[in-house]
Amino acid sequence: AVLEAGVSHLSNAVVAEESCGCLHALVWGAQNKAAMVQLVGERVVVEAMRAHPNNLAVQFEAVACLAVLSFCVDDNKLRIGDAGAIPLILAAMRRFGTDG
């Protein structure tokens, strides 16, 4: 349901932020990470970043979600990179800083 909402209403920054935040909370644990990539969830997160490059809350939740999703899973790192996340993450770091 979270992925569906994120895809259907990606142009709404509040929905994008909440979707990324929910996915971030859900991806803790190997089974949840596997389920998310099976559903192509990393692409939803990347699209949220792309749709709202100047929204700190969306960028923060998206980067946090991708960080957890990639932690200790090399295949997920490749999928996230293939989805185009790396330039978006770097752009968010330049735009908003790295002080958290």
Protein backbone atom coordinates (compact mmCIF):
# COMPACT_ATOMS: atom_id res chain seq x y z
CA ALA A 1 0.00 0.00 0.00
CA VAL A 2 2.86 2.39 0.79
CA LEU A 3 4.49 1.75 -2.57
CA GLU A 4 1.18 2.18 -4.37
CA ALA A 5 0.53 5.50 -2.63
CA GLY A 6 4.06 6.65 -3.39
CA VAL A 7 3.71 5.79 -7.07
CA SER A 8 0.18 7.14 -7.46
CA HIS A 9 0.74 10.45 -5.67
CA LEU A 10 4.44 11.10 -6.17
CA SER A 11 3.82 14.70 -7.23
CA ASN A 12 2.55 15.47 -3.71
CA ALA A 13 5.56 16.23 -1.50
CA VAL A 14 3.78 15.23 1.72
CA VAL A 15 2.87 11.83 0.27
CA ALA A 16 6.41 11.39 -1.09
CA GLU A 17 7.90 12.24 2.31
CA GLU A 18 5.54 9.93 4.20
CA SER A 19 6.05 7.11 1.70
CA CYS A 20 9.84 7.33 1.99
CA GLY A 21 9.56 7.56 5.77
CA CYS A 22 7.33 4.50 5.97
CA LEU A 23 9.59 2.54 3.65
CA HIS A 24 12.59 3.61 5.74
CA ALA A 25 10.91 2.20 8.85
CA LEU A 26 9.98 -1.01 7.04
CA VAL A 27 13.32 -1.90 5.45
CA TRP A 28 15.06 -2.84 8.67
CA GLY A 29 15.75 -6.57 8.51
CA ALA A 30 16.88 -8.83 5.69
CA GLN A 31 13.41 -10.12 4.80
CA ASN A 32 11.96 -6.65 4.53
CA LYS A 33 14.87 -5.45 2.39
CA ALA A 34 14.38 -8.40 0.06
CA ALA A 35 10.64 -7.76 -0.18
CA MET A 36 11.16 -4.07 -0.95
CA VAL A 37 13.59 -4.69 -3.81
CA GLN A 38 11.35 -7.42 -5.17
CA LEU A 39 8.61 -4.77 -5.39
CA VAL A 40 11.08 -2.30 -6.93
CA GLY A 41 10.73 0.02 -3.95
CA GLU A 42 14.11 1.63 -4.49
CA ARG A 43 12.79 3.11 -7.73
CA VAL A 44 9.86 4.74 -5.91
CA VAL A 45 12.28 6.32 -3.45
CA VAL A 46 14.55 7.55 -6.24
CA GLU A 47 11.57 8.97 -8.13
CA ALA A 48 10.49 10.81 -4.97
CA MET A 49 13.97 12.35 -4.79
CA ARG A 50 13.79 13.30 -8.45
CA ALA A 51 10.30 14.81 -8.10
CA HIS A 52 11.17 16.94 -5.04
CA PRO A 53 14.84 17.95 -5.25
CA ASN A 54 14.34 21.09 -3.13
CA ASN A 55 12.31 19.48 -0.36
CA LEU A 56 14.58 18.70 2.59
CA ALA A 57 12.10 16.36 4.27
CA VAL A 58 11.66 14.21 1.15
CA GLN A 59 15.39 14.10 0.50
CA PHE A 60 16.16 13.23 4.13
CA GLU A 61 13.66 10.36 4.28
CA ALA A 62 14.68 9.06 0.87
CA VAL A 63 18.41 9.04 1.62
CA ALA A 64 17.77 7.40 5.01
CA CYS A 65 15.68 4.70 3.35
CA LEU A 66 18.30 4.02 0.68
CA ALA A 67 21.07 3.93 3.30
CA VAL A 68 19.31 1.23 5.29
CA LEU A 69 18.27 -0.65 2.16
CA SER A 70 21.87 -0.76 0.95
CA PHE A 71 23.47 -1.62 4.30
CA CYS A 72 25.33 -4.96 4.03
CA VAL A 73 23.53 -6.03 0.83
CA ASP A 74 25.74 -5.59 -2.22
CA ASP A 75 22.97 -6.48 -4.69
CA ASN A 76 20.81 -3.70 -3.26
CA LYS A 77 23.66 -1.23 -3.65
CA LEU A 78 23.83 -2.12 -7.33
CA ARG A 79 20.06 -1.81 -7.75
CA ILE A 80 20.05 1.58 -6.03
CA GLY A 81 22.89 2.75 -8.26
CA ASP A 82 21.13 1.41 -11.36
CA ALA A 83 17.99 3.32 -10.34
CA GLY A 84 19.99 6.56 -10.58
CA ALA A 85 20.23 7.33 -6.88
CA ILE A 86 23.90 8.26 -6.59
CA PRO A 87 23.77 11.62 -8.44
CA LEU A 88 20.58 12.49 -6.57
CA ILE A 89 22.14 11.69 -3.19
CA LEU A 90 25.20 13.78 -4.04
CA ALA A 91 22.96 16.65 -5.19
CA ALA A 92 21.00 16.48 -1.92
CA MET A 93 24.24 16.55 0.07
CA ARG A 94 25.41 19.61 -1.85
CA ARG A 95 22.03 21.33 -1.56
CA PHE A 96 21.32 20.66 2.11
CA GLY A 97 24.75 19.95 3.58
CA THR A 98 25.88 16.89 5.48
CA ASP A 99 25.37 18.03 9.07
CA GLY A 100 22.05 16.13 9.41
